[in-house]
Amino acid sequence: MATTTTIRLPEELKARIASAAERAGKTTHSFILEAITEKAELEEQRAGFDAEADARFAKIVESGKTIPWGDMRHY
């Protein structure tokens, strides 16, 4: 179910959004929704990446298994 959220936009940004939405053939509303959705998905992906990196680093610390940079570079 959709809910209403009010945001205050500077006039310049509002005009930029309206112009970009028109160029994209979208309503301002749908353009803003897509932009917010894309940003949320990007942050979720980043959080997943960070969690994966932390888990892999913890595994390296736990196992002590590493490859010297010189060997990796020549690989």
N, C-alpha and C. Protein backbone atom coordinates (compact mmCIF):
# COMPACT_ATOMS: atom_id res chain seq x y z
N MET A 1 0.83 -1.18 0.00
CA MET A 1 0.00 0.00 0.00
C MET A 1 0.88 1.24 0.00
N ALA A 2 0.56 2.18 -0.80
CA ALA A 2 1.34 3.41 -0.90
C ALA A 2 0.97 4.37 0.24
N THR A 3 1.96 5.08 0.70
CA THR A 3 1.73 6.12 1.70
C THR A 3 2.26 7.44 1.15
N THR A 4 1.89 8.51 1.77
CA THR A 4 2.31 9.83 1.33
C THR A 4 3.44 10.33 2.20
N THR A 5 4.49 10.82 1.57
CA THR A 5 5.61 11.45 2.25
C THR A 5 5.83 12.81 1.60
N THR A 6 5.97 13.81 2.40
CA THR A 6 6.19 15.15 1.87
C THR A 6 7.66 15.50 1.98
N ILE A 7 8.23 15.99 0.88
CA ILE A 7 9.61 16.48 0.92
C ILE A 7 9.62 17.90 0.37
N ARG A 8 10.51 18.69 0.89
CA ARG A 8 10.66 20.06 0.41
C ARG A 8 11.88 20.11 -0.49
N LEU A 9 11.65 20.55 -1.71
CA LEU A 9 12.72 20.62 -2.70
C LEU A 9 13.05 22.07 -2.99
N PRO A 10 14.33 22.39 -3.10
CA PRO A 10 14.68 23.72 -3.58
C PRO A 10 14.10 23.91 -4.98
N GLU A 11 13.69 25.13 -5.29
CA GLU A 11 13.06 25.40 -6.60
C GLU A 11 13.95 24.96 -7.76
N GLU A 12 15.25 25.20 -7.64
CA GLU A 12 16.17 24.82 -8.72
C GLU A 12 16.16 23.32 -8.95
N LEU A 13 16.19 22.55 -7.87
CA LEU A 13 16.16 21.09 -8.01
C LEU A 13 14.82 20.62 -8.58
N LYS A 14 13.75 21.22 -8.12
CA LYS A 14 12.42 20.86 -8.63
C LYS A 14 12.35 21.09 -10.14
N ALA A 15 12.91 22.20 -10.60
CA ALA A 15 12.92 22.50 -12.04
C ALA A 15 13.78 21.50 -12.79
N ARG A 16 14.92 21.15 -12.22
CA ARG A 16 15.81 20.16 -12.86
C ARG A 16 15.12 18.81 -12.98
N ILE A 17 14.43 18.41 -11.93
CA ILE A 17 13.71 17.14 -11.94
C ILE A 17 12.61 17.15 -13.00
N ALA A 18 11.86 18.23 -13.05
CA ALA A 18 10.77 18.34 -14.03
C ALA A 18 11.33 18.27 -15.45
N SER A 19 12.44 18.95 -15.68
CA SER A 19 13.06 18.95 -17.01
C SER A 19 13.57 17.55 -17.37
N ALA A 20 14.23 16.91 -16.43
CA ALA A 20 14.76 15.56 -16.68
C ALA A 20 13.63 14.57 -16.91
N ALA A 21 12.57 14.69 -16.14
CA ALA A 21 11.43 13.78 -16.30
C ALA A 21 10.79 13.97 -17.67
N GLU A 22 10.67 15.21 -18.10
CA GLU A 22 10.09 15.48 -19.42
C GLU A 22 10.95 14.88 -20.53
N ARG A 23 12.26 15.04 -20.41
CA ARG A 23 13.17 14.46 -21.42
C ARG A 23 13.05 12.94 -21.45
N ALA A 24 12.82 12.34 -20.28
CA ALA A 24 12.71 10.88 -20.18
C ALA A 24 11.31 10.39 -20.54
N GLY A 25 10.39 11.32 -20.79
CA GLY A 25 9.02 10.92 -21.12
C GLY A 25 8.26 10.36 -19.94
N LYS A 26 8.57 10.86 -18.76
CA LYS A 26 7.94 10.36 -17.54
C LYS A 26 7.29 11.52 -16.79
N THR A 27 6.41 11.17 -15.89
CA THR A 27 5.89 12.20 -14.99
C THR A 27 6.95 12.50 -13.95
N THR A 28 6.85 13.68 -13.36
CA THR A 28 7.79 14.03 -12.29
C THR A 28 7.70 13.02 -11.16
N HIS A 29 6.48 12.62 -10.83
CA HIS A 29 6.26 11.65 -9.76
C HIS A 29 6.99 10.34 -10.04
N SER A 30 6.80 9.78 -11.23
CA SER A 30 7.45 8.50 -11.54
C SER A 30 8.96 8.65 -11.61
N PHE A 31 9.43 9.79 -12.10
CA PHE A 31 10.87 10.04 -12.17
C PHE A 31 11.48 10.04 -10.76
N ILE A 32 10.82 10.73 -9.83
CA ILE A 32 11.32 10.79 -8.45
C ILE A 32 11.28 9.40 -7.82
N LEU A 33 10.19 8.65 -8.03
CA LEU A 33 10.10 7.29 -7.47
C LEU A 33 11.23 6.41 -7.99
N GLU A 34 11.49 6.48 -9.30
CA GLU A 34 12.57 5.67 -9.88
C GLU A 34 13.92 6.07 -9.30
N ALA A 35 14.14 7.37 -9.14
CA ALA A 35 15.42 7.84 -8.59
C ALA A 35 15.62 7.35 -7.16
N ILE A 36 14.58 7.43 -6.36
CA ILE A 36 14.68 6.97 -4.97
C ILE A 36 14.89 5.46 -4.93
N THR A 37 14.17 4.73 -5.77
CA THR A 37 14.32 3.28 -5.82
C THR A 37 15.74 2.89 -6.22
N GLU A 38 16.28 3.55 -7.25
CA GLU A 38 17.64 3.26 -7.69
C GLU A 38 18.65 3.53 -6.58
N LYS A 39 18.49 4.64 -5.87
CA LYS A 39 19.41 4.99 -4.79
C LYS A 39 19.33 3.97 -3.66
N ALA A 40 18.11 3.56 -3.30
CA ALA A 40 17.94 2.57 -2.23
C ALA A 40 18.58 1.24 -2.62
N GLU A 41 18.38 0.82 -3.88
CA GLU A 41 18.98 -0.43 -4.35
C GLU A 41 20.50 -0.35 -4.35
N LEU A 42 21.05 0.78 -4.74
CA LEU A 42 22.50 0.96 -4.74
C LEU A 42 23.06 0.84 -3.33
N GLU A 43 22.40 1.47 -2.38
CA GLU A 43 22.87 1.40 -0.99
C GLU A 43 22.73 -0.01 -0.43
N GLU A 44 21.67 -0.73 -0.82
CA GLU A 44 21.51 -2.12 -0.38
C GLU A 44 22.62 -2.99 -0.97
N GLN A 45 22.96 -2.77 -2.23
CA GLN A 45 24.05 -3.52 -2.85
C GLN A 45 25.37 -3.21 -2.15
N ARG A 46 25.59 -1.94 -1.84
CA ARG A 46 26.82 -1.54 -1.17
C ARG A 46 26.91 -2.19 0.21
N ALA A 47 25.80 -2.24 0.92
CA ALA A 47 25.78 -2.88 2.24
C ALA A 47 26.10 -4.36 2.11
N GLY A 48 25.55 -5.02 1.09
CA GLY A 48 25.85 -6.43 0.85
C GLY A 48 27.31 -6.65 0.51
N PHE A 49 27.85 -5.75 -0.31
CA PHE A 49 29.26 -5.83 -0.67
C PHE A 49 30.14 -5.67 0.57
N ASP A 50 29.81 -4.68 1.40
CA ASP A 50 30.58 -4.46 2.63
C ASP A 50 30.52 -5.67 3.55
N ALA A 51 29.33 -6.26 3.69
CA ALA A 51 29.18 -7.44 4.54
C ALA A 51 30.00 -8.60 4.00
N GLU A 52 29.98 -8.79 2.67
CA GLU A 52 30.76 -9.86 2.05
C GLU A 52 32.26 -9.62 2.25
N ALA A 53 32.70 -8.39 2.08
CA ALA A 53 34.11 -8.06 2.27
C ALA A 53 34.53 -8.31 3.72
N ASP A 54 33.69 -7.90 4.67
CA ASP A 54 34.00 -8.13 6.08
C ASP A 54 34.09 -9.62 6.38
N ALA A 55 33.16 -10.41 5.83
CA ALA A 55 33.17 -11.86 6.06
C ALA A 55 34.42 -12.50 5.47
N ARG A 56 34.79 -12.07 4.27
CA ARG A 56 35.99 -12.64 3.65
C ARG A 56 37.25 -12.25 4.41
N PHE A 57 37.31 -11.00 4.87
CA PHE A 57 38.48 -10.57 5.64
C PHE A 57 38.57 -11.34 6.95
N ALA A 58 37.43 -11.56 7.61
CA ALA A 58 37.42 -12.34 8.85
C ALA A 58 37.93 -13.75 8.59
N LYS A 59 37.56 -14.32 7.45
CA LYS A 59 38.02 -15.67 7.10
C LYS A 59 39.53 -15.68 6.89
N ILE A 60 40.05 -14.65 6.25
CA ILE A 60 41.49 -14.55 6.03
C ILE A 60 42.22 -14.45 7.37
N VAL A 61 41.70 -13.59 8.25
CA VAL A 61 42.32 -13.41 9.56
C VAL A 61 42.28 -14.72 10.34
N GLU A 62 41.15 -15.42 10.27
CA GLU A 62 40.99 -16.68 11.00
C GLU A 62 41.92 -17.77 10.47
N SER A 63 42.02 -17.88 9.14
CA SER A 63 42.80 -18.96 8.55
C SER A 63 44.28 -18.61 8.42
N GLY A 64 44.57 -17.34 8.28
CA GLY A 64 45.96 -16.92 8.07
C GLY A 64 46.45 -17.20 6.66
N LYS A 65 45.59 -17.71 5.80
CA LYS A 65 45.98 -18.05 4.43
C LYS A 65 45.94 -16.81 3.55
N THR A 66 47.09 -16.47 3.02
CA THR A 66 47.18 -15.33 2.12
C THR A 66 48.15 -15.66 0.99
N ILE A 67 48.15 -14.84 -0.02
CA ILE A 67 49.08 -14.97 -1.14
C ILE A 67 49.90 -13.70 -1.19
N PRO A 68 51.22 -13.80 -1.24
CA PRO A 68 52.04 -12.60 -1.33
C PRO A 68 51.67 -11.78 -2.57
N TRP A 69 51.70 -10.46 -2.44
CA TRP A 69 51.32 -9.58 -3.54
C TRP A 69 52.15 -9.84 -4.78
N GLY A 70 53.43 -10.08 -4.63
CA GLY A 70 54.29 -10.35 -5.78
C GLY A 70 53.82 -11.56 -6.56
N ASP A 71 53.44 -12.63 -5.86
CA ASP A 71 52.92 -13.83 -6.53
C ASP A 71 51.59 -13.53 -7.22
N MET A 72 50.74 -12.81 -6.55
CA MET A 72 49.43 -12.49 -7.11
C MET A 72 49.57 -11.60 -8.34
N ARG A 73 50.48 -10.67 -8.27
CA ARG A 73 50.69 -9.74 -9.37
C ARG A 73 51.15 -10.46 -10.63
N HIS A 74 51.98 -11.49 -10.47
CA HIS A 74 52.48 -12.25 -11.62
C HIS A 74 51.45 -13.25 -12.12
N TYR A 75 50.47 -13.55 -11.31
CA TYR A 75 49.42 -14.49 -11.69
C TYR A 75 48.61 -13.89 -12.80
